Amino acid sequence: MRILLSLALILAPAVASASCTGSSGANICDMARMADETLVPTLPRELAPGIMLTDSAIEGARLDLILTPAADRAVSMDEIVPMICSIDEVQQLVAAGGTLRFMVGSREVGTVTACPEF
């Protein structure tokens, strides 16, 4: 059992770093941090009428965007994805293989793995 735990501790950093490397060799985890640093100074930000981007979080190569919609407002990915994907750092993250996940509280409302063409 100790051998398995020791092996897991040795291999874990290699697995974690491998998941941060995109197909072009880019460090997607660093790209997620850059995208987050671009978004954070402007929070809260209204993405669409009644839908605020109130927080963000990074988990490896994934950038979570936490939304707060008005009580009578449904979140439409068609409305908010183009606005978020218009940010250069976000486009680069997604193009390199990173993921955007949109959350309302602890509920996932959408995931983006490809930004629309403009």
N, C-alpha and C. Protein backbone atom coordinates (compact mmCIF):
# COMPACT_ATOMS: atom_id res chain seq x y z
N MET A 1 0.82 -1.20 0.00
CA MET A 1 0.00 0.00 0.00
C MET A 1 0.86 1.25 0.00
N ARG A 2 1.94 1.24 0.81
CA ARG A 2 2.82 2.40 0.86
C ARG A 2 3.50 2.64 -0.48
N ILE A 3 3.81 1.55 -1.17
CA ILE A 3 4.46 1.67 -2.47
C ILE A 3 3.52 2.35 -3.45
N LEU A 4 2.26 1.96 -3.46
CA LEU A 4 1.29 2.58 -4.35
C LEU A 4 1.12 4.06 -4.04
N LEU A 5 1.06 4.41 -2.77
CA LEU A 5 0.92 5.81 -2.38
C LEU A 5 2.15 6.60 -2.80
N SER A 6 3.33 6.05 -2.58
CA SER A 6 4.57 6.72 -2.98
C SER A 6 4.61 6.91 -4.49
N LEU A 7 4.22 5.91 -5.24
CA LEU A 7 4.19 6.01 -6.68
C LEU A 7 3.19 7.06 -7.14
N ALA A 8 2.04 7.09 -6.50
CA ALA A 8 1.02 8.09 -6.85
C ALA A 8 1.54 9.51 -6.58
N LEU A 9 2.25 9.71 -5.49
CA LEU A 9 2.79 11.03 -5.16
C LEU A 9 3.87 11.45 -6.15
N ILE A 10 4.61 10.50 -6.67
CA ILE A 10 5.64 10.81 -7.65
C ILE A 10 5.02 11.12 -9.01
N LEU A 11 4.01 10.37 -9.42
CA LEU A 11 3.39 10.54 -10.73
C LEU A 11 2.40 11.69 -10.80
N ALA A 12 1.81 12.08 -9.68
CA ALA A 12 0.77 13.12 -9.68
C ALA A 12 1.24 14.42 -10.31
N PRO A 13 2.42 14.97 -10.00
CA PRO A 13 2.84 16.21 -10.66
C PRO A 13 2.99 16.05 -12.16
N ALA A 14 3.46 14.90 -12.62
CA ALA A 14 3.61 14.67 -14.06
C ALA A 14 2.26 14.65 -14.75
N VAL A 15 1.27 14.01 -14.14
CA VAL A 15 -0.08 13.97 -14.70
C VAL A 15 -0.68 15.36 -14.72
N ALA A 16 -0.51 16.12 -13.63
CA ALA A 16 -1.06 17.47 -13.55
C ALA A 16 -0.43 18.37 -14.60
N SER A 17 0.89 18.29 -14.78
CA SER A 17 1.54 19.15 -15.76
C SER A 17 1.17 18.73 -17.18
N ALA A 18 0.97 17.43 -17.40
CA ALA A 18 0.58 16.97 -18.73
C ALA A 18 -0.79 17.51 -19.11
N SER A 19 -1.70 17.63 -18.16
CA SER A 19 -3.03 18.14 -18.47
C SER A 19 -3.02 19.64 -18.74
N CYS A 20 -1.92 20.31 -18.43
CA CYS A 20 -1.80 21.74 -18.68
C CYS A 20 -1.15 22.04 -20.01
N THR A 21 -0.67 21.02 -20.72
CA THR A 21 0.01 21.24 -21.99
C THR A 21 -0.94 20.98 -23.13
N GLY A 22 -1.14 22.00 -23.95
CA GLY A 22 -2.02 21.87 -25.10
C GLY A 22 -1.33 21.17 -26.25
N SER A 23 -2.06 20.92 -27.32
CA SER A 23 -1.52 20.21 -28.47
C SER A 23 -0.39 20.99 -29.14
N SER A 24 -0.40 22.30 -29.00
CA SER A 24 0.67 23.12 -29.59
C SER A 24 1.84 23.31 -28.64
N GLY A 25 1.78 22.68 -27.47
CA GLY A 25 2.84 22.81 -26.48
C GLY A 25 2.64 23.97 -25.52
N ALA A 26 1.57 24.72 -25.71
CA ALA A 26 1.29 25.87 -24.84
C ALA A 26 0.85 25.40 -23.46
N ASN A 27 1.17 26.18 -22.44
CA ASN A 27 0.74 25.86 -21.08
C ASN A 27 -0.67 26.44 -20.89
N ILE A 28 -1.67 25.58 -20.99
CA ILE A 28 -3.07 26.02 -20.91
C ILE A 28 -3.40 26.55 -19.53
N CYS A 29 -2.79 26.00 -18.49
CA CYS A 29 -3.06 26.47 -17.13
C CYS A 29 -2.61 27.93 -16.97
N ASP A 30 -1.46 28.27 -17.55
CA ASP A 30 -1.01 29.67 -17.53
C ASP A 30 -1.97 30.55 -18.32
N MET A 31 -2.46 30.03 -19.43
CA MET A 31 -3.41 30.79 -20.24
C MET A 31 -4.70 31.04 -19.47
N ALA A 32 -5.14 30.05 -18.69
CA ALA A 32 -6.35 30.22 -17.87
C ALA A 32 -6.12 31.32 -16.84
N ARG A 33 -4.93 31.36 -16.24
CA ARG A 33 -4.62 32.42 -15.28
C ARG A 33 -4.62 33.79 -15.95
N MET A 34 -4.07 33.88 -17.17
CA MET A 34 -4.06 35.16 -17.89
C MET A 34 -5.48 35.61 -18.22
N ALA A 35 -6.32 34.68 -18.65
CA ALA A 35 -7.71 35.03 -18.96
C ALA A 35 -8.42 35.49 -17.70
N ASP A 36 -8.17 34.81 -16.58
CA ASP A 36 -8.78 35.19 -15.31
C ASP A 36 -8.31 36.58 -14.88
N GLU A 37 -7.03 36.88 -15.04
CA GLU A 37 -6.49 38.19 -14.66
C GLU A 37 -7.08 39.30 -15.52
N THR A 38 -7.49 38.97 -16.73
CA THR A 38 -8.14 39.96 -17.60
C THR A 38 -9.56 40.24 -17.12
N LEU A 39 -10.26 39.19 -16.66
CA LEU A 39 -11.65 39.34 -16.24
C LEU A 39 -11.81 39.93 -14.84
N VAL A 40 -10.96 39.54 -13.90
CA VAL A 40 -11.14 39.89 -12.49
C VAL A 40 -11.18 41.39 -12.23
N PRO A 41 -10.29 42.21 -12.80
CA PRO A 41 -10.33 43.64 -12.48
C PRO A 41 -11.64 44.33 -12.84
N THR A 42 -12.42 43.73 -13.70
CA THR A 42 -13.65 44.39 -14.15
C THR A 42 -14.90 43.80 -13.50
N LEU A 43 -14.76 42.88 -12.55
CA LEU A 43 -15.93 42.28 -11.91
C LEU A 43 -16.56 43.25 -10.94
N PRO A 44 -17.87 43.26 -10.73
CA PRO A 44 -18.86 42.55 -11.54
C PRO A 44 -19.07 43.24 -12.88
N ARG A 45 -19.38 42.44 -13.85
CA ARG A 45 -19.54 42.92 -15.22
C ARG A 45 -20.87 42.42 -15.75
N GLU A 46 -21.63 43.29 -16.37
CA GLU A 46 -22.90 42.87 -16.95
C GLU A 46 -22.64 42.28 -18.34
N LEU A 47 -22.89 40.99 -18.48
CA LEU A 47 -22.66 40.32 -19.76
C LEU A 47 -23.83 40.51 -20.72
N ALA A 48 -25.00 40.57 -20.15
CA ALA A 48 -26.24 40.80 -20.88
C ALA A 48 -27.18 41.46 -19.89
N PRO A 49 -28.21 42.13 -20.36
CA PRO A 49 -29.13 42.76 -19.40
C PRO A 49 -29.64 41.74 -18.37
N GLY A 50 -29.34 42.01 -17.10
CA GLY A 50 -29.81 41.14 -16.02
C GLY A 50 -28.92 39.96 -15.70
N ILE A 51 -27.76 39.84 -16.37
CA ILE A 51 -26.84 38.73 -16.09
C ILE A 51 -25.46 39.31 -15.78
N MET A 52 -25.04 39.15 -14.52
CA MET A 52 -23.77 39.69 -14.08
C MET A 52 -22.73 38.58 -13.94
N LEU A 53 -21.50 38.87 -14.34
CA LEU A 53 -20.36 38.00 -14.07
C LEU A 53 -19.80 38.48 -12.74
N THR A 54 -19.96 37.69 -11.68
CA THR A 54 -19.61 38.16 -10.35
C THR A 54 -18.34 37.54 -9.78
N ASP A 55 -17.85 36.46 -10.37
CA ASP A 55 -16.64 35.84 -9.85
C ASP A 55 -16.09 34.88 -10.90
N SER A 56 -14.87 34.45 -10.65
CA SER A 56 -14.25 33.46 -11.53
C SER A 56 -13.35 32.58 -10.68
N ALA A 57 -13.04 31.41 -11.20
CA ALA A 57 -12.15 30.47 -10.50
C ALA A 57 -11.42 29.65 -11.55
N ILE A 58 -10.21 29.26 -11.21
CA ILE A 58 -9.40 28.46 -12.13
C ILE A 58 -9.20 27.08 -11.53
N GLU A 59 -9.39 26.07 -12.36
CA GLU A 59 -9.06 24.70 -11.96
C GLU A 59 -8.31 24.07 -13.12
N GLY A 60 -6.99 24.08 -13.03
CA GLY A 60 -6.16 23.56 -14.11
C GLY A 60 -6.34 24.37 -15.37
N ALA A 61 -6.77 23.72 -16.44
CA ALA A 61 -6.96 24.37 -17.73
C ALA A 61 -8.40 24.84 -17.93
N ARG A 62 -9.18 24.85 -16.86
CA ARG A 62 -10.58 25.28 -16.94
C ARG A 62 -10.77 26.58 -16.18
N LEU A 63 -11.48 27.50 -16.80
CA LEU A 63 -11.83 28.76 -16.16
C LEU A 63 -13.32 28.74 -15.89
N ASP A 64 -13.69 28.79 -14.62
CA ASP A 64 -15.10 28.83 -14.23
C ASP A 64 -15.53 30.28 -14.11
N LEU A 65 -16.65 30.61 -14.70
CA LEU A 65 -17.21 31.95 -14.63
C LEU A 65 -18.53 31.86 -13.87
N ILE A 66 -18.60 32.57 -12.74
CA ILE A 66 -19.77 32.49 -11.88
C ILE A 66 -20.69 33.67 -12.21
N LEU A 67 -21.90 33.33 -12.58
CA LEU A 67 -22.89 34.31 -13.01
C LEU A 67 -23.95 34.52 -11.94
N THR A 68 -24.48 35.73 -11.90
CA THR A 68 -25.62 36.03 -11.04
C THR A 68 -26.70 36.67 -11.92
N PRO A 69 -27.71 35.89 -12.29
CA PRO A 69 -28.79 36.46 -13.10
C PRO A 69 -29.84 37.11 -12.20
N ALA A 70 -30.56 38.05 -12.77
CA ALA A 70 -31.71 38.63 -12.06
C ALA A 70 -32.73 37.51 -11.82
N ALA A 71 -33.57 37.69 -10.82
CA ALA A 71 -34.52 36.66 -10.43
C ALA A 71 -35.43 36.22 -11.58
N ASP A 72 -35.76 37.12 -12.46
CA ASP A 72 -36.69 36.81 -13.55
C ASP A 72 -35.97 36.55 -14.87
N ARG A 73 -34.68 36.28 -14.81
CA ARG A 73 -33.87 36.19 -16.02
C ARG A 73 -33.28 34.79 -16.21
N ALA A 74 -33.46 34.23 -17.38
CA ALA A 74 -32.83 32.95 -17.71
C ALA A 74 -31.47 33.25 -18.36
N VAL A 75 -30.52 32.37 -18.15
CA VAL A 75 -29.19 32.54 -18.73
C VAL A 75 -29.18 31.91 -20.11
N SER A 76 -28.88 32.70 -21.12
CA SER A 76 -28.79 32.22 -22.49
C SER A 76 -27.33 32.21 -22.91
N MET A 77 -26.80 31.03 -23.20
CA MET A 77 -25.41 30.92 -23.62
C MET A 77 -25.18 31.68 -24.93
N ASP A 78 -26.20 31.74 -25.79
CA ASP A 78 -26.07 32.45 -27.06
C ASP A 78 -25.80 33.94 -26.84
N GLU A 79 -26.27 34.48 -25.73
CA GLU A 79 -26.05 35.89 -25.41
C GLU A 79 -24.68 36.16 -24.82
N ILE A 80 -24.25 35.29 -23.91
CA ILE A 80 -23.04 35.61 -23.14
C ILE A 80 -21.74 35.06 -23.72
N VAL A 81 -21.79 33.96 -24.45
CA VAL A 81 -20.56 33.37 -24.98
C VAL A 81 -19.84 34.32 -25.95
N PRO A 82 -20.54 34.95 -26.90
CA PRO A 82 -19.82 35.86 -27.80
C PRO A 82 -19.10 36.99 -27.07
N MET A 83 -19.70 37.51 -26.01
CA MET A 83 -19.07 38.60 -25.27
C MET A 83 -17.80 38.12 -24.59
N ILE A 84 -17.86 36.97 -23.94
CA ILE A 84 -16.69 36.43 -23.25
C ILE A 84 -15.62 36.02 -24.26
N CYS A 85 -16.04 35.39 -25.35
CA CYS A 85 -15.07 34.93 -26.36
C CYS A 85 -14.46 36.08 -27.15
N SER A 86 -14.99 37.27 -27.04
CA SER A 86 -14.39 38.41 -27.74
C SER A 86 -13.12 38.90 -27.04
N ILE A 87 -12.84 38.42 -25.84
CA ILE A 87 -11.63 38.78 -25.10
C ILE A 87 -10.48 37.91 -25.61
N ASP A 88 -9.40 38.54 -26.06
CA ASP A 88 -8.29 37.82 -26.68
C ASP A 88 -7.75 36.68 -25.83
N GLU A 89 -7.54 36.93 -24.53
CA GLU A 89 -6.98 35.89 -23.66
C GLU A 89 -7.90 34.70 -23.54
N VAL A 90 -9.20 34.94 -23.56
CA VAL A 90 -10.18 33.84 -23.49
C VAL A 90 -10.15 33.05 -24.80
N GLN A 91 -10.09 33.76 -25.93
CA GLN A 91 -10.00 33.08 -27.23
C GLN A 91 -8.77 32.18 -27.28
N GLN A 92 -7.63 32.69 -26.80
CA GLN A 92 -6.39 31.92 -26.82
C GLN A 92 -6.49 30.69 -25.93
N LEU A 93 -7.11 30.84 -24.77
CA LEU A 93 -7.29 29.72 -23.85
C LEU A 93 -8.10 28.61 -24.50
N VAL A 94 -9.23 28.96 -25.07
CA VAL A 94 -10.12 27.97 -25.68
C VAL A 94 -9.47 27.35 -26.92
N ALA A 95 -8.79 28.17 -27.73
CA ALA A 95 -8.14 27.66 -28.93
C ALA A 95 -7.03 26.67 -28.59
N ALA A 96 -6.38 26.85 -27.44
CA ALA A 96 -5.29 25.95 -27.03
C ALA A 96 -5.81 24.67 -26.39
N GLY A 97 -7.12 24.58 -26.15
CA GLY A 97 -7.69 23.36 -25.56
C GLY A 97 -8.24 23.55 -24.17
N GLY A 98 -8.26 24.79 -23.68
CA GLY A 98 -8.85 25.07 -22.37
C GLY A 98 -10.37 25.09 -22.45
N THR A 99 -10.99 25.15 -21.30
CA THR A 99 -12.45 25.09 -21.22
C THR A 99 -12.98 26.24 -20.37
N LEU A 100 -14.11 26.78 -20.78
CA LEU A 100 -14.85 27.75 -19.97
C LEU A 100 -16.08 27.04 -19.43
N ARG A 101 -16.34 27.20 -18.15
CA ARG A 101 -17.55 26.62 -17.57
C ARG A 101 -18.32 27.75 -16.92
N PHE A 102 -19.58 27.87 -17.27
CA PHE A 102 -20.45 28.91 -16.73
C PHE A 102 -21.31 28.31 -15.62
N MET A 103 -21.32 28.98 -14.48
CA MET A 103 -22.01 28.49 -13.29
C MET A 103 -22.98 29.55 -12.78
N VAL A 104 -24.09 29.10 -12.25
CA VAL A 104 -24.98 29.93 -11.45
C VAL A 104 -25.04 29.25 -10.10
N GLY A 105 -24.37 29.86 -9.12
CA GLY A 105 -24.20 29.20 -7.84
C GLY A 105 -23.34 27.97 -8.04
N SER A 106 -23.81 26.81 -7.62
CA SER A 106 -23.06 25.57 -7.81
C SER A 106 -23.58 24.76 -8.99
N ARG A 107 -24.48 25.35 -9.77
CA ARG A 107 -25.09 24.65 -10.91
C ARG A 107 -24.43 25.07 -12.22
N GLU A 108 -23.96 24.10 -12.97
CA GLU A 108 -23.36 24.38 -14.27
C GLU A 108 -24.47 24.66 -15.28
N VAL A 109 -24.35 25.78 -16.00
CA VAL A 109 -25.35 26.13 -17.00
C VAL A 109 -24.82 26.01 -18.43
N GLY A 110 -23.51 25.81 -18.55
CA GLY A 110 -22.94 25.63 -19.89
C GLY A 110 -21.43 25.51 -19.86
N THR A 111 -20.91 24.86 -20.89
CA THR A 111 -19.47 24.69 -21.04
C THR A 111 -19.09 25.07 -22.46
N VAL A 112 -17.98 25.75 -22.60
CA VAL A 112 -17.50 26.17 -23.91
C VAL A 112 -16.13 25.55 -24.16
N THR A 113 -16.01 24.83 -25.25
CA THR A 113 -14.72 24.25 -25.66
C THR A 113 -14.28 24.80 -27.00
N ALA A 114 -15.11 25.64 -27.63
CA ALA A 114 -14.76 26.29 -28.89
C ALA A 114 -15.51 27.62 -28.95
N CYS A 115 -14.76 28.68 -29.23
CA CYS A 115 -15.39 29.99 -29.36
C CYS A 115 -15.95 30.15 -30.76
N PRO A 116 -17.07 30.87 -30.89
CA PRO A 116 -17.64 31.09 -32.21
C PRO A 116 -16.73 32.00 -33.04
N GLU A 117 -16.78 31.85 -34.34
CA GLU A 117 -16.01 32.71 -35.25
C GLU A 117 -16.68 34.08 -35.32
N PHE A 118 -15.88 35.10 -35.41
CA PHE A 118 -16.44 36.47 -35.50
C PHE A 118 -16.28 37.00 -36.89
